[in-house]
Amino acid sequence: MLIVPRARGLALGYTPSPASGLPHRLLLRLTRGRDSYLIGKQQIEMLLAARKKQLGDSFRMRQFMDSFNAAGLVPASLLRWELTGELPEDVRRMLASQ
């Protein structure tokens, strides 16, 4: 998946505040978790854009976030499928290979 260079640069330059806690910083530094965060961020932004386009003027961020949070901890591509009804290409490829 392509990561927008500007967004990657911003994320790499981000320094959590001391109040944010050590485990988060360790995750970013030791496990290279930042790449997962960036990919997830991009997938969520794509989902948000697709949902805005689908609903038009009736789109409400509050409703989107309520639906997003109600879905629980599932991959963003599956969440996109659930919220928009559109089967993402990566899921389509995964299902076709089985």
C-alpha atoms as a PDB file:
ATOM      1  CA  MET A   1       0.000   0.000   0.000  1.00  0.00           C
ATOM      2  CA  LEU A   2       1.284   3.449  -0.882  1.00  0.00           C
ATOM      3  CA  ILE A   3       1.987   5.842   1.962  1.00  0.00           C
ATOM      4  CA  VAL A   4       1.851   9.535   1.193  1.00  0.00           C
ATOM      5  CA  PRO A   5       5.406  10.861   1.801  1.00  0.00           C
ATOM      6  CA  ARG A   6       4.197  14.023   3.522  1.00  0.00           C
ATOM      7  CA  ALA A   7       2.057  12.063   5.987  1.00  0.00           C
ATOM      8  CA  ARG A   8       4.920   9.650   6.664  1.00  0.00           C
ATOM      9  CA  GLY A   9       7.260  12.545   7.380  1.00  0.00           C
ATOM     10  CA  LEU A  10       4.795  14.079   9.788  1.00  0.00           C
ATOM     11  CA  ALA A  11       4.304  10.811  11.602  1.00  0.00           C
ATOM     12  CA  LEU A  12       8.026  10.130  11.890  1.00  0.00           C
ATOM     13  CA  GLY A  13       8.581  13.610  13.278  1.00  0.00           C
ATOM     14  CA  TYR A  14       5.866  13.179  15.900  1.00  0.00           C
ATOM     15  CA  THR A  15       7.082  12.979  19.483  1.00  0.00           C
ATOM     16  CA  PRO A  16       4.557  11.853  22.073  1.00  0.00           C
ATOM     17  CA  SER A  17       4.262  13.988  25.193  1.00  0.00           C
ATOM     18  CA  PRO A  18       5.738  12.581  28.416  1.00  0.00           C
ATOM     19  CA  ALA A  19       2.189  12.149  29.709  1.00  0.00           C
ATOM     20  CA  SER A  20       1.380   9.731  26.865  1.00  0.00           C
ATOM     21  CA  GLY A  21       3.275   6.917  28.555  1.00  0.00           C
ATOM     22  CA  LEU A  22       6.268   4.752  27.867  1.00  0.00           C
ATOM     23  CA  PRO A  23       4.542   1.714  26.242  1.00  0.00           C
ATOM     24  CA  HIS A  24       3.352   3.792  23.276  1.00  0.00           C
ATOM     25  CA  ARG A  25       6.846   5.145  22.650  1.00  0.00           C
ATOM     26  CA  LEU A  26       8.338   1.688  22.974  1.00  0.00           C
ATOM     27  CA  LEU A  27       5.865   0.326  20.448  1.00  0.00           C
ATOM     28  CA  LEU A  28       6.808   3.010  17.946  1.00  0.00           C
ATOM     29  CA  ARG A  29      10.566   2.631  18.433  1.00  0.00           C
ATOM     30  CA  LEU A  30      11.118  -1.046  19.099  1.00  0.00           C
ATOM     31  CA  THR A  31       8.513  -2.825  16.997  1.00  0.00           C
ATOM     32  CA  ARG A  32       8.380  -0.421  14.096  1.00  0.00           C
ATOM     33  CA  GLY A  33       4.697  -0.019  14.934  1.00  0.00           C
ATOM     34  CA  ARG A  34       4.658   3.335  13.215  1.00  0.00           C
ATOM     35  CA  ASP A  35       4.315   1.635   9.832  1.00  0.00           C
ATOM     36  CA  SER A  36       1.178  -0.144  10.999  1.00  0.00           C
ATOM     37  CA  TYR A  37      -0.177   3.112  12.380  1.00  0.00           C
ATOM     38  CA  LEU A  38       0.453   4.871   9.072  1.00  0.00           C
ATOM     39  CA  ILE A  39      -1.155   2.153   6.978  1.00  0.00           C
ATOM     40  CA  GLY A  40      -4.151   2.012   9.314  1.00  0.00           C
ATOM     41  CA  LYS A  41      -4.445   5.796   9.241  1.00  0.00           C
ATOM     42  CA  GLN A  42      -4.496   5.784   5.458  1.00  0.00           C
ATOM     43  CA  GLN A  43      -7.102   3.016   5.345  1.00  0.00           C
ATOM     44  CA  ILE A  44      -9.323   4.880   7.799  1.00  0.00           C
ATOM     45  CA  GLU A  45      -8.979   8.104   5.797  1.00  0.00           C
ATOM     46  CA  MET A  46      -9.976   6.198   2.646  1.00  0.00           C
ATOM     47  CA  LEU A  47     -12.986   4.763   4.491  1.00  0.00           C
ATOM     48  CA  LEU A  48     -13.965   8.225   5.702  1.00  0.00           C
ATOM     49  CA  ALA A  49     -13.735   9.653   2.166  1.00  0.00           C
ATOM     50  CA  ALA A  50     -15.757   6.762   0.713  1.00  0.00           C
ATOM     51  CA  ARG A  51     -18.457   7.175   3.345  1.00  0.00           C
ATOM     52  CA  LYS A  52     -18.622  10.949   2.789  1.00  0.00           C
ATOM     53  CA  LYS A  53     -18.974  10.401  -0.941  1.00  0.00           C
ATOM     54  CA  GLN A  54     -21.627   7.740  -0.429  1.00  0.00           C
ATOM     55  CA  LEU A  55     -23.785   9.764   1.977  1.00  0.00           C
ATOM     56  CA  GLY A  56     -23.220  13.245   0.526  1.00  0.00           C
ATOM     57  CA  ASP A  57     -24.871  16.020   2.532  1.00  0.00           C
ATOM     58  CA  SER A  58     -26.381  13.568   5.009  1.00  0.00           C
ATOM     59  CA  PHE A  59     -22.897  12.541   6.227  1.00  0.00           C
ATOM     60  CA  ARG A  60     -22.310  13.289   9.909  1.00  0.00           C
ATOM     61  CA  MET A  61     -18.938  12.693  11.535  1.00  0.00           C
ATOM     62  CA  ARG A  62     -20.610  11.735  14.822  1.00  0.00           C
ATOM     63  CA  GLN A  63     -22.600   8.962  13.113  1.00  0.00           C
ATOM     64  CA  PHE A  64     -19.487   7.782  11.272  1.00  0.00           C
ATOM     65  CA  MET A  65     -17.476   7.580  14.494  1.00  0.00           C
ATOM     66  CA  ASP A  66     -20.319   5.814  16.319  1.00  0.00           C
ATOM     67  CA  SER A  67     -20.459   3.175  13.558  1.00  0.00           C
ATOM     68  CA  PHE A  68     -16.676   2.949  13.446  1.00  0.00           C
ATOM     69  CA  ASN A  69     -16.378   2.403  17.201  1.00  0.00           C
ATOM     70  CA  ALA A  70     -19.326  -0.006  17.338  1.00  0.00           C
ATOM     71  CA  ALA A  71     -17.603  -2.318  14.851  1.00  0.00           C
ATOM     72  CA  GLY A  72     -14.871  -3.152  17.356  1.00  0.00           C
ATOM     73  CA  LEU A  73     -11.305  -4.169  16.579  1.00  0.00           C
ATOM     74  CA  VAL A  74     -11.467  -5.382  12.999  1.00  0.00           C
ATOM     75  CA  PRO A  75      -9.148  -4.627  10.062  1.00  0.00           C
ATOM     76  CA  ALA A  76      -9.946  -1.309   8.379  1.00  0.00           C
ATOM     77  CA  SER A  77     -10.549  -3.001   5.015  1.00  0.00           C
ATOM     78  CA  LEU A  78     -13.272  -5.196   6.519  1.00  0.00           C
ATOM     79  CA  LEU A  79     -14.728  -2.216   8.327  1.00  0.00           C
ATOM     80  CA  ARG A  80     -14.895  -0.341   5.011  1.00  0.00           C
ATOM     81  CA  TRP A  81     -16.794  -3.270   3.533  1.00  0.00           C
ATOM     82  CA  GLU A  82     -19.244  -3.253   6.445  1.00  0.00           C
ATOM     83  CA  LEU A  83     -19.880   0.504   6.496  1.00  0.00           C
ATOM     84  CA  THR A  84     -19.971   1.243   2.766  1.00  0.00           C
ATOM     85  CA  GLY A  85     -21.057  -2.085   1.322  1.00  0.00           C
ATOM     86  CA  GLU A  86     -18.130  -1.854  -1.113  1.00  0.00           C
ATOM     87  CA  LEU A  87     -15.783  -4.833  -1.181  1.00  0.00           C
ATOM     88  CA  PRO A  88     -12.204  -3.457  -1.072  1.00  0.00           C
ATOM     89  CA  GLU A  89      -9.786  -4.792  -3.657  1.00  0.00           C
ATOM     90  CA  ASP A  90      -7.509  -6.445  -1.084  1.00  0.00           C
ATOM     91  CA  VAL A  91     -10.442  -8.365   0.408  1.00  0.00           C
ATOM     92  CA  ARG A  92     -11.656  -9.333  -3.082  1.00  0.00           C
ATOM     93  CA  ARG A  93      -8.192 -10.752  -3.883  1.00  0.00           C
ATOM     94  CA  MET A  94      -8.060 -12.611  -0.568  1.00  0.00           C
ATOM     95  CA  LEU A  95     -11.466 -14.218  -1.160  1.00  0.00           C
ATOM     96  CA  ALA A  96     -10.609 -15.118  -4.752  1.00  0.00           C
ATOM     97  CA  SER A  97      -7.436 -16.943  -3.680  1.00  0.00           C
ATOM     98  CA  GLN A  98      -9.349 -19.336  -1.399  1.00  0.00           C
END
